[in-house]
N, C-alpha and C. Protein backbone atom coordinates (compact mmCIF):
# COMPACT_ATOMS: atom_id res chain seq x y z
N UNK A 1 -14.88 -10.07 -17.37
CA UNK A 1 -15.10 -9.10 -16.31
C UNK A 1 -14.75 -9.74 -14.97
N UNK A 2 -14.09 -8.99 -14.13
CA UNK A 2 -13.69 -9.50 -12.82
C UNK A 2 -14.65 -8.98 -11.76
N UNK A 3 -14.90 -9.77 -10.73
CA UNK A 3 -15.82 -9.30 -9.68
C UNK A 3 -15.23 -8.11 -8.93
N UNK A 4 -16.10 -7.24 -8.47
CA UNK A 4 -15.70 -6.07 -7.70
C UNK A 4 -15.71 -6.43 -6.21
N UNK A 5 -14.75 -5.88 -5.50
CA UNK A 5 -14.66 -6.10 -4.06
C UNK A 5 -15.76 -5.34 -3.34
N UNK A 6 -16.47 -5.99 -2.43
CA UNK A 6 -17.47 -5.25 -1.65
C UNK A 6 -16.83 -4.41 -0.55
N UNK A 7 -15.56 -4.68 -0.21
CA UNK A 7 -14.92 -3.99 0.91
C UNK A 7 -13.78 -3.06 0.53
N UNK A 8 -13.12 -3.29 -0.59
CA UNK A 8 -11.89 -2.55 -0.92
C UNK A 8 -12.15 -1.51 -2.02
N UNK A 9 -11.74 -0.28 -1.73
CA UNK A 9 -11.97 0.85 -2.63
C UNK A 9 -10.63 1.50 -2.94
N UNK A 10 -10.43 1.90 -4.18
CA UNK A 10 -9.20 2.56 -4.60
C UNK A 10 -9.02 3.90 -3.91
N UNK A 11 -7.78 4.20 -3.47
CA UNK A 11 -7.47 5.46 -2.80
C UNK A 11 -7.74 6.66 -3.69
N UNK A 12 -7.39 6.55 -4.96
CA UNK A 12 -7.54 7.68 -5.86
C UNK A 12 -8.88 7.64 -6.59
N UNK A 13 -9.22 6.48 -7.16
CA UNK A 13 -10.44 6.37 -7.96
C UNK A 13 -11.71 6.38 -7.13
N UNK A 14 -11.61 5.95 -5.87
CA UNK A 14 -12.77 5.81 -4.97
C UNK A 14 -13.78 4.79 -5.50
N UNK A 15 -13.33 3.91 -6.40
CA UNK A 15 -14.18 2.85 -6.95
C UNK A 15 -13.80 1.52 -6.30
N UNK A 16 -14.77 0.61 -6.27
CA UNK A 16 -14.49 -0.72 -5.75
C UNK A 16 -13.48 -1.42 -6.66
N UNK A 17 -12.49 -2.07 -6.04
CA UNK A 17 -11.41 -2.71 -6.79
C UNK A 17 -11.82 -4.05 -7.36
N UNK A 18 -11.20 -4.43 -8.48
CA UNK A 18 -11.37 -5.77 -9.01
C UNK A 18 -10.72 -6.77 -8.06
N UNK A 19 -11.32 -7.95 -7.96
CA UNK A 19 -10.74 -9.04 -7.18
C UNK A 19 -10.24 -10.11 -8.13
N UNK A 20 -9.03 -10.60 -7.88
CA UNK A 20 -8.44 -11.66 -8.69
C UNK A 20 -8.21 -12.86 -7.77
N UNK A 21 -8.47 -14.05 -8.29
CA UNK A 21 -8.37 -15.28 -7.49
C UNK A 21 -6.94 -15.74 -7.26
N UNK A 22 -6.02 -15.28 -8.10
CA UNK A 22 -4.63 -15.74 -7.98
C UNK A 22 -3.68 -14.67 -8.49
N UNK A 23 -2.42 -14.83 -8.14
CA UNK A 23 -1.39 -13.92 -8.64
C UNK A 23 -1.33 -13.99 -10.16
N UNK A 24 -1.42 -15.19 -10.71
CA UNK A 24 -1.35 -15.36 -12.16
C UNK A 24 -2.49 -14.62 -12.86
N UNK A 25 -3.70 -14.70 -12.32
CA UNK A 25 -4.84 -14.00 -12.91
C UNK A 25 -4.61 -12.48 -12.86
N UNK A 26 -4.11 -11.98 -11.74
CA UNK A 26 -3.83 -10.55 -11.62
C UNK A 26 -2.73 -10.13 -12.59
N UNK A 27 -1.70 -10.97 -12.73
CA UNK A 27 -0.61 -10.65 -13.66
C UNK A 27 -1.11 -10.61 -15.10
N UNK A 28 -1.98 -11.56 -15.46
CA UNK A 28 -2.53 -11.57 -16.82
C UNK A 28 -3.32 -10.29 -17.10
N UNK A 29 -4.13 -9.87 -16.14
CA UNK A 29 -4.91 -8.66 -16.36
C UNK A 29 -4.00 -7.42 -16.37
N UNK A 30 -2.96 -7.39 -15.55
CA UNK A 30 -2.01 -6.29 -15.56
C UNK A 30 -1.32 -6.19 -16.93
N UNK A 31 -0.94 -7.34 -17.49
CA UNK A 31 -0.31 -7.36 -18.82
C UNK A 31 -1.28 -6.85 -19.88
N UNK A 32 -2.54 -7.28 -19.79
CA UNK A 32 -3.56 -6.82 -20.72
C UNK A 32 -3.72 -5.30 -20.65
N UNK A 33 -3.81 -4.76 -19.44
CA UNK A 33 -3.96 -3.32 -19.27
C UNK A 33 -2.76 -2.57 -19.86
N UNK A 34 -1.56 -3.10 -19.66
CA UNK A 34 -0.36 -2.47 -20.23
C UNK A 34 -0.41 -2.48 -21.75
N UNK A 35 -0.85 -3.61 -22.33
CA UNK A 35 -0.98 -3.70 -23.79
C UNK A 35 -1.99 -2.69 -24.33
N UNK A 36 -3.00 -2.38 -23.53
CA UNK A 36 -4.04 -1.44 -23.93
C UNK A 36 -3.63 0.02 -23.69
N UNK A 37 -2.40 0.21 -23.19
CA UNK A 37 -1.91 1.55 -22.92
C UNK A 37 -2.47 2.17 -21.66
N UNK A 38 -2.92 1.34 -20.72
CA UNK A 38 -3.54 1.85 -19.49
C UNK A 38 -2.55 1.96 -18.35
N UNK A 39 -1.25 1.82 -18.63
CA UNK A 39 -0.23 1.99 -17.60
C UNK A 39 0.22 0.68 -16.99
N UNK A 40 1.35 0.74 -16.30
CA UNK A 40 1.91 -0.43 -15.65
C UNK A 40 1.26 -0.62 -14.29
N UNK A 41 0.76 -1.84 -14.06
CA UNK A 41 0.08 -2.16 -12.82
C UNK A 41 0.84 -3.24 -12.06
N UNK A 42 0.73 -3.20 -10.74
CA UNK A 42 1.44 -4.11 -9.85
C UNK A 42 0.42 -4.92 -9.04
N UNK A 43 0.44 -6.26 -9.13
CA UNK A 43 -0.46 -7.06 -8.30
C UNK A 43 -0.01 -7.06 -6.84
N UNK A 44 -0.98 -7.11 -5.94
CA UNK A 44 -0.68 -7.26 -4.52
C UNK A 44 -1.83 -8.01 -3.86
N UNK A 45 -1.50 -8.76 -2.81
CA UNK A 45 -2.53 -9.47 -2.07
C UNK A 45 -3.00 -8.54 -0.96
N UNK A 46 -4.29 -8.41 -0.82
CA UNK A 46 -4.90 -7.49 0.13
C UNK A 46 -5.03 -8.16 1.49
N UNK A 47 -4.51 -7.50 2.51
CA UNK A 47 -4.62 -8.04 3.87
C UNK A 47 -6.04 -7.91 4.41
N UNK A 48 -6.83 -7.01 3.84
CA UNK A 48 -8.20 -6.81 4.31
C UNK A 48 -9.12 -7.94 3.84
N UNK A 49 -9.07 -8.24 2.52
CA UNK A 49 -10.04 -9.21 1.98
C UNK A 49 -9.40 -10.53 1.55
N UNK A 50 -8.06 -10.56 1.43
CA UNK A 50 -7.37 -11.79 1.04
C UNK A 50 -7.31 -12.04 -0.45
N UNK A 51 -7.92 -11.18 -1.26
CA UNK A 51 -7.88 -11.32 -2.72
C UNK A 51 -6.71 -10.52 -3.28
N UNK A 52 -6.43 -10.76 -4.55
CA UNK A 52 -5.42 -9.99 -5.26
C UNK A 52 -6.09 -8.78 -5.89
N UNK A 53 -5.40 -7.64 -5.87
CA UNK A 53 -5.84 -6.41 -6.53
C UNK A 53 -4.67 -5.90 -7.37
N UNK A 54 -4.92 -4.86 -8.14
CA UNK A 54 -3.87 -4.19 -8.91
C UNK A 54 -3.73 -2.76 -8.42
N UNK A 55 -2.48 -2.29 -8.42
CA UNK A 55 -2.18 -0.91 -8.06
C UNK A 55 -1.25 -0.36 -9.13
N UNK A 56 -1.39 0.93 -9.47
CA UNK A 56 -0.41 1.51 -10.38
C UNK A 56 1.00 1.28 -9.83
N UNK A 57 1.92 0.89 -10.68
CA UNK A 57 3.27 0.54 -10.24
C UNK A 57 3.95 1.69 -9.50
N UNK A 58 3.65 2.93 -9.88
CA UNK A 58 4.29 4.06 -9.20
C UNK A 58 3.71 4.32 -7.81
N UNK A 59 2.67 3.59 -7.44
CA UNK A 59 2.08 3.70 -6.10
C UNK A 59 2.42 2.49 -5.23
N UNK A 60 3.12 1.53 -5.78
CA UNK A 60 3.39 0.29 -5.05
C UNK A 60 4.29 0.54 -3.85
N UNK A 61 3.80 0.18 -2.68
CA UNK A 61 4.57 0.30 -1.44
C UNK A 61 4.32 -0.97 -0.63
N UNK A 62 4.99 -2.06 -0.97
CA UNK A 62 4.72 -3.34 -0.31
C UNK A 62 4.93 -3.26 1.20
N UNK A 63 3.97 -3.79 1.93
CA UNK A 63 4.08 -3.83 3.38
C UNK A 63 3.41 -5.10 3.89
N UNK A 64 3.72 -5.43 5.13
CA UNK A 64 3.09 -6.55 5.83
C UNK A 64 2.72 -6.08 7.22
N UNK A 65 1.80 -6.78 7.85
CA UNK A 65 1.44 -6.44 9.22
C UNK A 65 2.62 -6.79 10.14
N UNK A 66 3.01 -5.85 10.97
CA UNK A 66 4.09 -6.08 11.93
C UNK A 66 3.58 -7.05 13.00
N UNK A 67 4.35 -8.10 13.30
CA UNK A 67 3.90 -9.06 14.32
C UNK A 67 4.01 -8.53 15.75
N UNK A 68 4.63 -7.36 15.92
CA UNK A 68 4.86 -6.84 17.28
C UNK A 68 4.16 -5.50 17.52
N UNK A 69 4.35 -4.54 16.62
CA UNK A 69 3.90 -3.17 16.86
C UNK A 69 2.43 -2.96 16.52
N UNK A 70 1.76 -2.19 17.35
CA UNK A 70 0.34 -1.87 17.17
C UNK A 70 0.17 -0.36 17.03
N UNK A 71 -0.85 0.02 16.26
CA UNK A 71 -1.19 1.43 16.11
C UNK A 71 -2.08 1.87 17.26
N UNK A 72 -2.46 3.14 17.25
CA UNK A 72 -3.32 3.69 18.30
C UNK A 72 -4.66 2.97 18.37
N UNK A 73 -5.10 2.41 17.24
CA UNK A 73 -6.37 1.68 17.20
C UNK A 73 -6.25 0.23 17.66
N UNK A 74 -5.03 -0.19 18.00
CA UNK A 74 -4.81 -1.56 18.46
C UNK A 74 -4.53 -2.55 17.35
N UNK A 75 -4.65 -2.11 16.10
CA UNK A 75 -4.39 -2.99 14.95
C UNK A 75 -2.89 -3.03 14.68
N UNK A 76 -2.40 -4.13 14.09
CA UNK A 76 -0.97 -4.20 13.74
C UNK A 76 -0.58 -3.06 12.80
N UNK A 77 0.59 -2.49 13.04
CA UNK A 77 1.09 -1.44 12.16
C UNK A 77 1.62 -2.08 10.87
N UNK A 78 1.54 -1.33 9.76
CA UNK A 78 2.17 -1.78 8.52
C UNK A 78 3.67 -1.69 8.69
N UNK A 79 4.38 -2.71 8.23
CA UNK A 79 5.84 -2.72 8.25
C UNK A 79 6.33 -2.76 6.81
N UNK A 80 7.11 -1.76 6.44
CA UNK A 80 7.68 -1.67 5.10
C UNK A 80 9.10 -2.19 5.17
N UNK A 81 9.44 -3.09 4.25
CA UNK A 81 10.78 -3.68 4.25
C UNK A 81 11.85 -2.64 3.97
N UNK A 82 11.54 -1.72 3.06
CA UNK A 82 12.52 -0.71 2.65
C UNK A 82 12.08 0.68 3.11
N UNK A 83 13.02 1.45 3.59
CA UNK A 83 12.73 2.81 4.05
C UNK A 83 12.11 3.64 2.91
N UNK A 84 12.62 3.44 1.68
CA UNK A 84 12.09 4.24 0.56
C UNK A 84 10.63 3.91 0.25
N UNK A 85 10.19 2.66 0.50
CA UNK A 85 8.77 2.32 0.30
C UNK A 85 7.91 3.03 1.34
N UNK A 86 8.37 3.06 2.59
CA UNK A 86 7.63 3.78 3.63
C UNK A 86 7.58 5.27 3.32
N UNK A 87 8.68 5.82 2.84
CA UNK A 87 8.72 7.24 2.49
C UNK A 87 7.77 7.54 1.32
N UNK A 88 7.71 6.65 0.35
CA UNK A 88 6.78 6.84 -0.78
C UNK A 88 5.34 6.84 -0.28
N UNK A 89 5.01 5.91 0.61
CA UNK A 89 3.65 5.85 1.16
C UNK A 89 3.34 7.14 1.93
N UNK A 90 4.32 7.65 2.68
CA UNK A 90 4.12 8.90 3.43
C UNK A 90 3.85 10.06 2.47
N UNK A 91 4.61 10.14 1.38
CA UNK A 91 4.41 11.21 0.38
C UNK A 91 3.02 11.10 -0.25
N UNK A 92 2.61 9.88 -0.60
CA UNK A 92 1.29 9.70 -1.20
C UNK A 92 0.18 10.09 -0.23
N UNK A 93 0.33 9.73 1.04
CA UNK A 93 -0.68 10.09 2.04
C UNK A 93 -0.78 11.61 2.19
N UNK A 94 0.35 12.29 2.13
CA UNK A 94 0.33 13.74 2.24
C UNK A 94 -0.32 14.36 1.01
N UNK A 95 0.05 13.89 -0.15
CA UNK A 95 -0.48 14.44 -1.41
C UNK A 95 -1.98 14.19 -1.55
N UNK A 96 -2.43 12.98 -1.22
CA UNK A 96 -3.82 12.60 -1.48
C UNK A 96 -4.77 12.94 -0.34
N UNK A 97 -4.28 12.91 0.89
CA UNK A 97 -5.18 13.11 2.03
C UNK A 97 -4.75 14.24 2.95
N UNK A 98 -3.61 14.86 2.65
CA UNK A 98 -3.13 15.95 3.49
C UNK A 98 -2.62 15.50 4.85
N UNK A 99 -2.28 14.21 4.98
CA UNK A 99 -1.81 13.66 6.25
C UNK A 99 -0.29 13.62 6.24
N UNK A 100 0.34 14.29 7.20
CA UNK A 100 1.79 14.30 7.31
C UNK A 100 2.24 13.12 8.16
N UNK A 101 3.10 12.29 7.59
CA UNK A 101 3.60 11.11 8.29
C UNK A 101 5.13 11.13 8.32
N UNK A 102 5.67 10.53 9.36
CA UNK A 102 7.11 10.42 9.53
C UNK A 102 7.50 8.95 9.49
N UNK A 103 8.60 8.65 8.84
CA UNK A 103 9.13 7.29 8.75
C UNK A 103 10.08 7.05 9.92
N UNK A 104 9.97 5.87 10.54
CA UNK A 104 10.90 5.51 11.61
C UNK A 104 11.14 4.01 11.59
N UNK A 105 12.32 3.57 12.07
CA UNK A 105 12.60 2.13 12.07
C UNK A 105 11.77 1.41 13.12
N UNK A 106 11.31 0.22 12.79
CA UNK A 106 10.56 -0.62 13.73
C UNK A 106 11.47 -0.96 14.91
N UNK A 107 11.05 -0.68 16.13
CA UNK A 107 11.90 -0.99 17.28
C UNK A 107 12.15 -2.49 17.46
N UNK A 108 11.30 -3.32 16.87
CA UNK A 108 11.47 -4.77 16.96
C UNK A 108 12.25 -5.33 15.77
N UNK A 109 12.65 -4.45 14.85
CA UNK A 109 13.48 -4.89 13.72
C UNK A 109 12.73 -5.46 12.53
N UNK A 110 11.43 -5.14 12.38
CA UNK A 110 10.65 -5.68 11.26
C UNK A 110 10.50 -4.71 10.09
N UNK A 111 11.41 -3.76 9.97
CA UNK A 111 11.37 -2.85 8.83
C UNK A 111 11.16 -1.42 9.26
N UNK A 112 10.23 -0.75 8.58
CA UNK A 112 9.98 0.68 8.79
C UNK A 112 8.50 0.91 9.00
N UNK A 113 8.16 1.84 9.88
CA UNK A 113 6.78 2.21 10.16
C UNK A 113 6.54 3.68 9.83
N UNK A 114 5.28 4.07 9.89
CA UNK A 114 4.88 5.47 9.71
C UNK A 114 4.15 5.92 10.97
N UNK A 115 4.32 7.19 11.30
CA UNK A 115 3.59 7.76 12.44
C UNK A 115 3.20 9.19 12.12
N UNK A 116 2.14 9.63 12.76
CA UNK A 116 1.73 11.03 12.61
C UNK A 116 2.56 11.93 13.52
N UNK A 117 3.16 11.37 14.56
CA UNK A 117 3.99 12.15 15.48
C UNK A 117 5.25 12.62 14.77
N UNK A 118 5.76 13.74 15.17
CA UNK A 118 6.97 14.29 14.57
C UNK A 118 8.06 14.35 15.63
N UNK A 119 8.64 13.21 15.94
CA UNK A 119 9.70 13.14 16.95
C UNK A 119 11.02 13.69 16.41
N UNK A 120 11.27 13.50 15.13
CA UNK A 120 12.50 13.96 14.48
C UNK A 120 12.11 14.61 13.16
N UNK A 121 13.03 15.32 12.52
CA UNK A 121 12.69 15.88 11.21
C UNK A 121 12.19 14.78 10.27
N UNK A 122 11.14 15.10 9.54
CA UNK A 122 10.47 14.10 8.71
C UNK A 122 11.35 13.60 7.57
N UNK A 123 11.39 12.29 7.45
CA UNK A 123 12.05 11.68 6.31
C UNK A 123 11.07 11.53 5.16
N UNK A 124 9.80 11.78 5.43
CA UNK A 124 8.77 11.57 4.41
C UNK A 124 8.90 12.54 3.25
N UNK A 125 9.52 13.67 3.48
CA UNK A 125 9.61 14.66 2.42
C UNK A 125 10.84 14.51 1.55
N UNK A 126 11.67 13.52 1.84
CA UNK A 126 12.86 13.30 1.02
C UNK A 126 12.50 12.90 -0.37
């Protein structure tokens, strides 16, 4: 049994996520889950708690904190390396939370960001 995160909760399940001490530990558990027919899972390191978690592979949208751009709350914006990852995150946010987001290139060149503003026709619905 893996310890549950006191801070991180799954977007869909609303349950506290398992914490893994290393990428290898997360990969082993992902392989086990796949063998059990529980679907393909993708390990990721959480910027909030610093532990590894698992996400369904079809929800994986790798991002990093942008070293330049800040959101309205003053926190670093997520920067997606690929436009399609940002667009996938925008679609998931709309489907799960009803939040419409638009994808735009980082003005500092660190990938792609999301915004609630609609300056141009949304790429999120592609």
